[in-house]
Amino acid sequence: MTNASMWRIILAGFLAVLAIGTVQTYWVINSYSLAEKTFDEKVSIALRNVAEQVSHLKQVQLPSQKLITKVSQDYYVVNIKDVIDATDLEFYLQAELEKVALPTDFEYGIYDCASDEMVYGNYVHFQDGSTSKRATVLDRYDEYVYYFGVRFPDRKGYVLNNQWVPLLFTALLICAILFFLYSIYEILKQRKLSDLQKDFINNMTHEFKTPLSSIKVSAEVLLSNALVKADPRLKTYAGIIRDQTQHLSDQVERVLQIADVRKGEVALKQEQFDLNDLIHTVVAQVRNSTANAQTEIRLDLKANPSKISADQHHLTNVLHNLLDNSIKYSNERPTIEVRTERNNGSLKVSISDHGIGIAKDKISQITDKFFRVSTGDVHDSKGFGLGLHYVKNIVDAHGWQLDIASELGQGTRVTLKISP
């Protein structure tokens, strides 16, 4: 994943979290407002019923307007045009609040014209119906002459207690956001470590290229010397040095290629060329290697025309990698078949072998970086597990399709479907 892609994902994640948080906040605020409105409506219904019962008891007519006034968030006054009995009022308040399902404590007071104060009040505990002396002195309301006031000291707590579902989801959302932020922190930390690792590997492999080139040139000079040619033992050792140096150089080059592909720095150089001719060239190079002296490569190039537009350099590496794998994972005398054909406008290249094959449950993993099929504690075939990963990246970069079919003990067939 490139840095740009990673930051796009992080930005998208932050925007998603922000959107969810905004919706959650809007929902909680609306839910709380609705709960407060419901509380006020229940109080209004209960106090109106109490006023009607008191007026019926006193045989007085209630005012047509301003019967109930909300003085503050938790304090209400009710206009009654007659003297109010405290015992009757307390009974009616408890009964009506229970009817409207408002199980919260309240305190009430009755205005006394003589003393110009709120008197005759109690603090009523809803749970057990017990009463105690009022905790506060209720405020007077100068616009009424005969009235009573009711205060709900636990109004905010009651409303919040009925908001446990929104609050629970809000807590879960906060936990999810904290986990997301922690995940981003860990991802960035791991990304930094990964970049450091890549830089170290790239620098190290670049440093390998110069001495390897020197060793290879030295081996070629030794092989061209007449004295070395005359001594079979020296000629064999010099050949081993050359071949193993070339093998190590190939592995270093693969590491560099994979690093470039992973960083998104490989720009495909599209050019027109003949695929069959390229396959002939690659197969000739493979056959000329002393390490592949026992290898038989059969060609069945039926594709006509075989002109394609692709990056010739990278496609050459892809073919080398596929042929190299077929040889490494075959028996003592590998037999490789390379075919090309036209099918429904697309061109197919298939490379088949009769080697050890791959278990079906491992096929989906063999293009993963550094993945190698386990054969116990011994690896007869050397490598880093980068070849097929590189192949997959180059195929994807071209927009082609890679199919791998294999059976244990029967061999493997790799097919490239090249789109026009």
Protein backbone atom coordinates (compact mmCIF):
# COMPACT_ATOMS: atom_id res chain seq x y z
CA MET A 1 0.00 0.00 0.00
CA THR A 2 1.39 3.39 -1.00
CA ASN A 3 1.60 6.30 1.42
CA ALA A 4 -1.07 8.15 -0.55
CA SER A 5 -3.45 5.18 -0.34
CA MET A 6 -2.82 4.78 3.38
CA TRP A 7 -3.53 8.45 4.10
CA ARG A 8 -6.66 8.31 1.94
CA ILE A 9 -7.91 5.37 4.01
CA ILE A 10 -7.09 7.17 7.28
CA LEU A 11 -8.83 10.33 6.05
CA ALA A 12 -11.88 8.32 4.97
CA GLY A 13 -11.91 6.64 8.39
CA PHE A 14 -11.75 9.97 10.20
CA LEU A 15 -14.56 11.38 8.04
CA ALA A 16 -16.67 8.27 8.73
CA VAL A 17 -16.05 8.56 12.48
CA LEU A 18 -16.86 12.28 12.34
CA ALA A 19 -20.09 11.60 10.48
CA ILE A 20 -21.12 8.86 12.91
CA GLY A 21 -20.22 11.07 15.88
CA THR A 22 -22.26 13.95 14.44
CA VAL A 23 -25.29 11.71 13.90
CA GLN A 24 -24.89 10.23 17.39
CA THR A 25 -24.64 13.67 18.99
CA TYR A 26 -27.69 14.88 17.08
CA TRP A 27 -29.61 11.77 18.16
CA VAL A 28 -28.62 12.13 21.84
CA ILE A 29 -29.53 15.84 21.93
CA ASN A 30 -32.87 15.23 20.23
CA SER A 31 -33.58 12.26 22.48
CA TYR A 32 -32.80 14.32 25.59
CA SER A 33 -34.96 17.21 24.33
CA LEU A 34 -37.81 14.81 23.64
CA ALA A 35 -37.46 13.31 27.13
CA GLU A 36 -37.62 16.80 28.69
CA LYS A 37 -40.66 17.65 26.59
CA THR A 38 -42.33 14.40 27.65
CA PHE A 39 -41.56 15.21 31.31
CA ASP A 40 -43.12 18.68 30.95
CA GLU A 41 -46.21 17.28 29.25
CA LYS A 42 -46.71 14.67 31.97
CA VAL A 43 -46.32 17.34 34.67
CA SER A 44 -48.80 19.62 32.88
CA ILE A 45 -51.36 16.83 32.59
CA ALA A 46 -50.96 15.81 36.24
CA LEU A 47 -51.13 19.40 37.57
CA ARG A 48 -54.15 20.22 35.41
CA ASN A 49 -55.95 17.16 36.77
CA VAL A 50 -55.01 18.19 40.33
CA ALA A 51 -56.33 21.73 39.70
CA GLU A 52 -59.61 20.37 38.34
CA GLN A 53 -60.06 18.12 41.35
CA VAL A 54 -59.31 20.98 43.78
CA SER A 55 -61.72 23.30 41.93
CA HIS A 56 -64.38 20.61 41.99
CA LEU A 57 -63.80 20.14 45.70
CA LYS A 58 -63.92 23.90 46.41
CA GLN A 59 -66.68 24.54 43.88
CA VAL A 60 -64.67 27.28 42.18
CA GLN A 61 -64.05 27.93 38.51
CA LEU A 62 -60.53 27.59 37.17
CA PRO A 63 -59.05 30.44 35.10
CA SER A 64 -59.35 29.94 31.36
CA GLN A 65 -55.80 31.16 30.75
CA LYS A 66 -52.47 30.84 32.57
CA LEU A 67 -53.57 27.91 34.68
CA ILE A 68 -50.07 26.44 34.89
CA THR A 69 -46.86 28.45 34.65
CA LYS A 70 -43.39 26.98 34.40
CA VAL A 71 -41.24 29.30 36.51
CA SER A 72 -37.96 27.40 36.02
CA GLN A 73 -36.73 24.08 34.67
CA ASP A 74 -38.02 22.15 37.69
CA TYR A 75 -40.56 24.52 39.26
CA TYR A 76 -44.25 24.95 38.31
CA VAL A 77 -47.05 27.05 39.84
CA VAL A 78 -50.80 26.40 39.44
CA ASN A 79 -53.40 29.20 39.70
CA ILE A 80 -56.34 28.30 41.99
CA LYS A 81 -58.91 30.98 42.90
CA ASP A 82 -59.49 29.81 46.47
CA VAL A 83 -57.73 28.65 49.60
CA ILE A 84 -56.06 25.26 49.20
CA ASP A 85 -55.96 22.46 51.76
CA ALA A 86 -52.49 20.95 52.05
CA THR A 87 -53.68 17.42 52.88
CA ASP A 88 -55.99 17.23 49.87
CA LEU A 89 -53.36 18.73 47.59
CA GLU A 90 -50.69 16.20 48.59
CA PHE A 91 -53.08 13.30 48.03
CA TYR A 92 -54.11 14.57 44.59
CA LEU A 93 -50.49 15.23 43.54
CA GLN A 94 -49.34 11.72 44.45
CA ALA A 95 -52.32 10.12 42.74
CA GLU A 96 -52.06 12.11 39.50
CA LEU A 97 -48.28 11.80 39.16
CA GLU A 98 -48.63 8.05 39.56
CA LYS A 99 -51.34 8.00 36.86
CA VAL A 100 -49.10 9.71 34.31
CA ALA A 101 -46.19 7.39 35.21
CA LEU A 102 -43.88 10.04 36.61
CA PRO A 103 -42.13 8.20 39.48
CA THR A 104 -39.93 10.96 40.81
CA ASP A 105 -39.72 12.82 44.13
CA PHE A 106 -41.36 16.23 44.41
CA GLU A 107 -41.92 19.01 46.92
CA TYR A 108 -44.86 21.40 47.02
CA GLY A 109 -45.90 24.59 48.76
CA ILE A 110 -49.06 26.68 49.11
CA TYR A 111 -49.01 30.45 49.00
CA ASP A 112 -50.24 32.16 52.20
CA CYS A 113 -51.58 35.67 51.63
CA ALA A 114 -51.22 36.58 55.31
CA SER A 115 -47.50 35.89 55.52
CA ASP A 116 -46.78 36.45 51.80
CA GLU A 117 -44.78 33.19 51.72
CA MET A 118 -44.98 29.64 50.38
CA VAL A 119 -46.08 27.44 53.31
CA TYR A 120 -47.77 24.12 54.13
CA GLY A 121 -45.41 22.14 51.96
CA ASN A 122 -43.69 18.75 52.19
CA TYR A 123 -40.99 16.83 50.38
CA VAL A 124 -42.62 13.61 49.07
CA HIS A 125 -40.49 10.52 48.40
CA PHE A 126 -42.22 8.75 45.54
CA GLN A 127 -40.80 5.25 46.13
CA ASP A 128 -42.30 4.74 49.60
CA GLY A 129 -44.77 7.64 49.75
CA SER A 130 -43.13 9.06 52.87
CA THR A 131 -42.80 12.79 53.45
CA SER A 132 -40.27 15.07 55.05
CA LYS A 133 -39.75 18.74 55.57
CA ARG A 134 -39.16 20.70 52.36
CA ALA A 135 -35.53 20.91 51.40
CA THR A 136 -35.84 24.40 49.93
CA VAL A 137 -38.03 27.47 50.19
CA LEU A 138 -40.14 27.71 47.05
CA ASP A 139 -40.21 31.03 45.25
CA ARG A 140 -43.31 33.22 45.26
CA TYR A 141 -45.10 34.08 42.02
CA ASP A 142 -46.57 37.57 42.23
CA GLU A 143 -49.06 37.30 39.34
CA TYR A 144 -51.36 34.87 41.21
CA VAL A 145 -53.29 35.33 44.48
CA TYR A 146 -54.18 31.74 45.39
CA TYR A 147 -51.82 29.16 43.99
CA PHE A 148 -49.61 26.25 44.84
CA GLY A 149 -46.15 25.42 43.56
CA VAL A 150 -44.52 22.06 42.80
CA ARG A 151 -40.82 21.49 42.38
CA PHE A 152 -39.11 18.35 41.03
CA PRO A 153 -35.57 18.42 42.50
CA ASP A 154 -34.53 15.23 40.70
CA ARG A 155 -35.86 16.27 37.30
CA LYS A 156 -32.50 16.18 35.50
CA GLY A 157 -31.55 12.82 37.05
CA TYR A 158 -34.93 11.35 36.10
CA VAL A 159 -34.56 12.49 32.48
CA LEU A 160 -30.99 11.13 32.28
CA ASN A 161 -32.06 7.79 33.77
CA ASN A 162 -34.51 7.42 30.91
CA GLN A 163 -31.72 8.08 28.41
CA TRP A 164 -29.66 4.98 29.19
CA VAL A 165 -30.00 3.52 25.67
CA PRO A 166 -28.63 6.60 23.84
CA LEU A 167 -25.96 7.03 26.51
CA LEU A 168 -24.96 3.36 26.21
CA PHE A 169 -24.57 3.66 22.44
CA THR A 170 -22.65 6.90 22.92
CA ALA A 171 -20.25 5.13 25.31
CA LEU A 172 -19.81 2.30 22.79
CA LEU A 173 -19.16 4.84 20.04
CA ILE A 174 -16.53 6.58 22.17
CA CYS A 175 -14.84 3.20 22.79
CA ALA A 176 -14.91 2.50 19.04
CA ILE A 177 -13.39 5.91 18.28
CA LEU A 178 -10.64 5.37 20.86
CA PHE A 179 -9.93 1.93 19.39
CA PHE A 180 -9.84 3.47 15.90
CA LEU A 181 -7.37 6.13 17.02
CA TYR A 182 -5.21 3.50 18.71
CA SER A 183 -5.33 1.37 15.54
CA ILE A 184 -4.23 4.34 13.43
CA TYR A 185 -1.38 4.97 15.85
CA GLU A 186 -0.25 1.34 15.61
CA ILE A 187 -0.61 1.34 11.81
CA LEU A 188 1.53 4.46 11.50
CA LYS A 189 4.12 3.00 13.87
CA GLN A 190 4.24 -0.26 11.94
CA ARG A 191 4.37 1.66 8.66
CA LYS A 192 7.39 3.57 9.91
CA LEU A 193 9.12 0.34 10.95
CA SER A 194 8.25 -1.22 7.60
CA ASP A 195 9.70 1.75 5.72
CA LEU A 196 12.88 1.52 7.77
CA GLN A 197 13.10 -2.19 6.98
CA LYS A 198 12.57 -1.56 3.26
CA ASP A 199 15.17 1.16 3.19
CA PHE A 200 17.66 -1.12 4.91
CA ILE A 201 16.98 -3.98 2.50
CA ASN A 202 17.16 -1.69 -0.54
CA ASN A 203 20.45 -0.16 0.60
CA MET A 204 21.90 -3.55 1.41
CA THR A 205 20.89 -5.10 -1.93
CA HIS A 206 22.28 -2.12 -3.83
CA GLU A 207 25.55 -2.56 -1.99
CA PHE A 208 25.59 -6.24 -3.06
CA LYS A 209 25.38 -5.44 -6.76
CA THR A 210 28.88 -4.00 -7.18
CA PRO A 211 30.85 -6.87 -5.55
CA LEU A 212 28.65 -9.44 -7.28
CA SER A 213 29.38 -7.85 -10.65
CA SER A 214 33.09 -7.92 -9.87
CA ILE A 215 32.94 -11.59 -8.86
CA LYS A 216 31.01 -12.47 -12.03
CA VAL A 217 33.50 -10.67 -14.27
CA SER A 218 36.37 -12.40 -12.46
CA ALA A 219 34.71 -15.78 -12.96
CA GLU A 220 34.28 -15.07 -16.68
CA VAL A 221 37.96 -14.12 -16.94
CA LEU A 222 38.94 -17.37 -15.19
CA LEU A 223 36.74 -19.43 -17.50
CA SER A 224 38.33 -17.82 -20.57
CA ASN A 225 41.86 -18.59 -19.37
CA ALA A 226 43.55 -21.45 -21.24
CA LEU A 227 45.13 -22.91 -18.08
CA VAL A 228 41.75 -23.04 -16.34
CA LYS A 229 40.13 -24.62 -19.42
CA ALA A 230 42.80 -27.29 -19.41
CA ASP A 231 42.15 -28.21 -15.77
CA PRO A 232 38.64 -29.76 -15.38
CA ARG A 233 38.63 -29.16 -11.63
CA LEU A 234 39.44 -25.44 -11.94
CA LYS A 235 36.97 -25.09 -14.81
CA THR A 236 34.22 -26.66 -12.67
CA TYR A 237 34.93 -24.40 -9.71
CA ALA A 238 35.04 -21.30 -11.89
CA GLY A 239 31.72 -22.34 -13.46
CA ILE A 240 30.20 -22.80 -10.01
CA ILE A 241 31.41 -19.33 -8.99
CA ARG A 242 29.90 -17.78 -12.13
CA ASP A 243 26.57 -19.61 -11.86
CA GLN A 244 26.09 -19.00 -8.15
CA THR A 245 27.05 -15.34 -8.57
CA GLN A 246 24.48 -15.02 -11.33
CA HIS A 247 21.90 -16.76 -9.13
CA LEU A 248 22.61 -14.37 -6.24
CA SER A 249 22.48 -11.39 -8.62
CA ASP A 250 19.08 -12.54 -9.84
CA GLN A 251 17.80 -12.78 -6.29
CA VAL A 252 19.09 -9.28 -5.47
CA GLU A 253 17.44 -7.94 -8.60
CA ARG A 254 14.15 -9.55 -7.62
CA VAL A 255 14.29 -7.93 -4.18
CA LEU A 256 14.84 -4.54 -5.81
CA GLN A 257 12.03 -5.12 -8.31
CA ILE A 258 9.61 -6.10 -5.55
CA ALA A 259 10.59 -3.03 -3.52
CA ASP A 260 9.94 -0.78 -6.52
CA VAL A 261 6.57 -2.40 -7.20
CA ARG A 262 5.52 -2.09 -3.54
CA LYS A 263 6.44 1.59 -3.50
CA GLY A 264 4.47 2.18 -6.69
CA GLU A 265 7.59 3.52 -8.44
CA VAL A 266 7.49 1.14 -11.42
CA ALA A 267 6.21 2.99 -14.47
CA LEU A 268 5.29 0.53 -17.19
CA LYS A 269 6.93 1.34 -20.50
CA GLN A 270 4.39 0.20 -23.05
CA GLU A 271 5.82 -0.87 -26.39
CA GLN A 272 4.79 -3.07 -29.31
CA PHE A 273 6.64 -6.37 -29.76
CA ASP A 274 6.09 -9.96 -30.78
CA LEU A 275 5.35 -12.22 -27.81
CA ASN A 276 6.41 -15.43 -29.56
CA ASP A 277 9.80 -13.88 -30.42
CA LEU A 278 10.26 -12.79 -26.80
CA ILE A 279 9.47 -16.32 -25.57
CA HIS A 280 12.05 -17.78 -27.99
CA THR A 281 14.66 -15.34 -26.62
CA VAL A 282 13.88 -16.10 -22.97
CA VAL A 283 13.82 -19.89 -23.52
CA ALA A 284 17.18 -19.69 -25.32
CA GLN A 285 18.68 -17.86 -22.37
CA VAL A 286 17.32 -20.46 -19.94
CA ARG A 287 18.59 -23.36 -22.06
CA ASN A 288 22.08 -21.85 -22.28
CA SER A 289 22.44 -21.82 -18.49
CA THR A 290 24.66 -24.68 -17.30
CA ALA A 291 22.35 -25.20 -14.35
CA ASN A 292 19.55 -26.16 -16.75
CA ALA A 293 21.49 -28.57 -18.92
CA GLN A 294 19.08 -31.43 -18.15
CA THR A 295 15.96 -29.33 -18.72
CA GLU A 296 13.72 -29.99 -21.74
CA ILE A 297 11.56 -27.03 -22.82
CA ARG A 298 8.92 -27.67 -25.47
CA LEU A 299 7.38 -24.79 -27.39
CA ASP A 300 3.89 -24.74 -28.88
CA LEU A 301 3.44 -21.14 -29.98
CA LYS A 302 0.17 -21.11 -31.92
CA ALA A 303 -0.86 -17.52 -31.24
CA ASN A 304 -1.16 -15.65 -34.52
CA PRO A 305 -0.84 -12.72 -34.56
CA SER A 306 1.27 -12.49 -31.40
CA LYS A 307 1.90 -8.75 -31.30
CA ILE A 308 1.16 -7.21 -27.90
CA SER A 309 1.59 -3.87 -26.15
CA ALA A 310 3.34 -4.28 -22.78
CA ASP A 311 6.48 -3.53 -20.80
CA GLN A 312 8.99 -5.83 -22.46
CA HIS A 313 11.54 -5.64 -19.64
CA HIS A 314 9.09 -6.65 -16.92
CA LEU A 315 7.41 -9.31 -19.07
CA THR A 316 10.85 -10.81 -19.72
CA ASN A 317 11.40 -11.01 -15.95
CA VAL A 318 7.96 -12.58 -15.51
CA LEU A 319 8.72 -15.32 -18.05
CA HIS A 320 12.13 -15.96 -16.46
CA ASN A 321 10.52 -16.27 -13.03
CA LEU A 322 7.86 -18.70 -14.23
CA LEU A 323 10.35 -20.88 -16.09
CA ASP A 324 12.73 -20.79 -13.12
CA ASN A 325 9.95 -21.99 -10.78
CA SER A 326 8.94 -24.76 -13.15
CA ILE A 327 12.53 -25.98 -13.28
CA LYS A 328 13.18 -25.69 -9.53
CA TYR A 329 10.04 -27.58 -8.54
CA SER A 330 10.38 -30.40 -11.08
CA ASN A 331 12.11 -33.76 -10.92
CA GLU A 332 15.70 -34.50 -11.94
CA ARG A 333 14.97 -34.07 -15.68
CA PRO A 334 12.40 -31.23 -15.87
CA THR A 335 10.07 -31.11 -18.86
CA ILE A 336 8.49 -27.70 -19.42
CA GLU A 337 5.83 -26.86 -21.99
CA VAL A 338 5.26 -23.29 -23.14
CA ARG A 339 2.14 -22.54 -25.20
CA THR A 340 0.56 -19.44 -26.69
CA GLU A 341 -2.88 -19.20 -28.28
CA ARG A 342 -5.56 -16.72 -29.24
CA ASN A 343 -8.92 -17.07 -27.52
CA ASN A 344 -11.85 -14.65 -27.88
CA GLY A 345 -9.61 -11.72 -28.72
CA SER A 346 -7.23 -12.27 -25.82
CA LEU A 347 -3.82 -13.90 -25.94
CA LYS A 348 -2.97 -16.69 -23.50
CA VAL A 349 0.48 -17.82 -22.41
CA SER A 350 0.70 -21.02 -20.38
CA ILE A 351 3.77 -22.60 -18.80
CA SER A 352 3.27 -26.18 -17.59
CA ASP A 353 5.52 -28.62 -15.79
CA HIS A 354 5.26 -32.15 -14.43
CA GLY A 355 6.85 -31.39 -11.10
CA ILE A 356 5.90 -31.79 -7.46
CA GLY A 357 2.80 -29.60 -7.70
CA ILE A 358 1.10 -27.51 -5.03
CA ALA A 359 -1.63 -28.42 -2.55
CA LYS A 360 -4.99 -26.83 -3.44
CA ASP A 361 -5.25 -25.02 -0.11
CA LYS A 362 -1.89 -23.30 -0.78
CA ILE A 363 -2.56 -22.05 -4.31
CA SER A 364 -4.28 -18.87 -3.14
CA GLN A 365 -1.23 -17.98 -0.99
CA ILE A 366 1.67 -18.62 -3.35
CA THR A 367 1.59 -15.08 -4.77
CA ASP A 368 1.94 -13.58 -1.28
CA LYS A 369 5.20 -11.87 -0.48
CA PHE A 370 7.85 -14.22 1.03
CA PHE A 371 5.42 -17.17 0.97
CA ARG A 372 6.94 -20.54 0.20
CA VAL A 373 5.20 -23.89 0.25
CA SER A 374 6.42 -25.83 3.26
CA THR A 375 8.13 -29.16 2.55
CA GLY A 376 9.17 -29.87 6.12
CA ASP A 377 12.36 -28.59 7.70
CA VAL A 378 14.39 -28.91 4.49
CA HIS A 379 14.12 -26.53 1.53
CA ASP A 380 15.66 -28.24 -1.48
CA SER A 381 14.85 -25.24 -3.71
CA LYS A 382 16.40 -21.95 -2.74
CA GLY A 383 14.69 -18.60 -2.94
CA PHE A 384 12.99 -15.83 -1.00
CA GLY A 385 9.42 -16.42 -2.09
CA LEU A 386 9.44 -13.23 -4.17
CA GLY A 387 9.15 -14.58 -7.72
CA LEU A 388 5.41 -15.16 -7.98
CA HIS A 389 4.69 -12.09 -5.87
CA TYR A 390 6.57 -10.02 -8.46
CA VAL A 391 4.74 -11.81 -11.28
CA LYS A 392 1.36 -11.06 -9.70
CA ASN A 393 2.20 -7.37 -9.25
CA ILE A 394 3.35 -6.96 -12.86
CA VAL A 395 0.31 -8.83 -14.20
CA ASP A 396 -2.02 -6.65 -12.13
CA ALA A 397 -0.19 -3.50 -13.25
CA HIS A 398 -0.89 -4.47 -16.88
CA GLY A 399 -4.52 -5.28 -16.11
CA TRP A 400 -4.06 -8.91 -17.11
CA GLN A 401 -5.25 -12.10 -15.43
CA LEU A 402 -3.12 -14.76 -13.71
CA ASP A 403 -4.47 -18.30 -13.28
CA ILE A 404 -2.62 -21.07 -11.43
CA ALA A 405 -3.74 -24.70 -11.53
CA SER A 406 -1.84 -27.45 -9.76
CA GLU A 407 -2.08 -30.93 -8.27
CA LEU A 408 0.34 -32.59 -5.88
CA GLY A 409 2.63 -34.97 -7.73
CA GLN A 410 1.15 -34.02 -11.12
CA GLY A 411 2.61 -30.60 -11.83
CA THR A 412 1.58 -26.98 -12.22
CA ARG A 413 0.21 -24.84 -15.04
CA VAL A 414 0.46 -21.03 -14.90
CA THR A 415 -1.58 -19.09 -17.44
CA LEU A 416 -1.30 -15.42 -18.33
CA LYS A 417 -4.39 -13.99 -20.01
CA ILE A 418 -3.20 -10.90 -21.87
CA SER A 419 -6.02 -8.51 -22.65
CA PRO A 420 -5.84 -6.58 -25.93
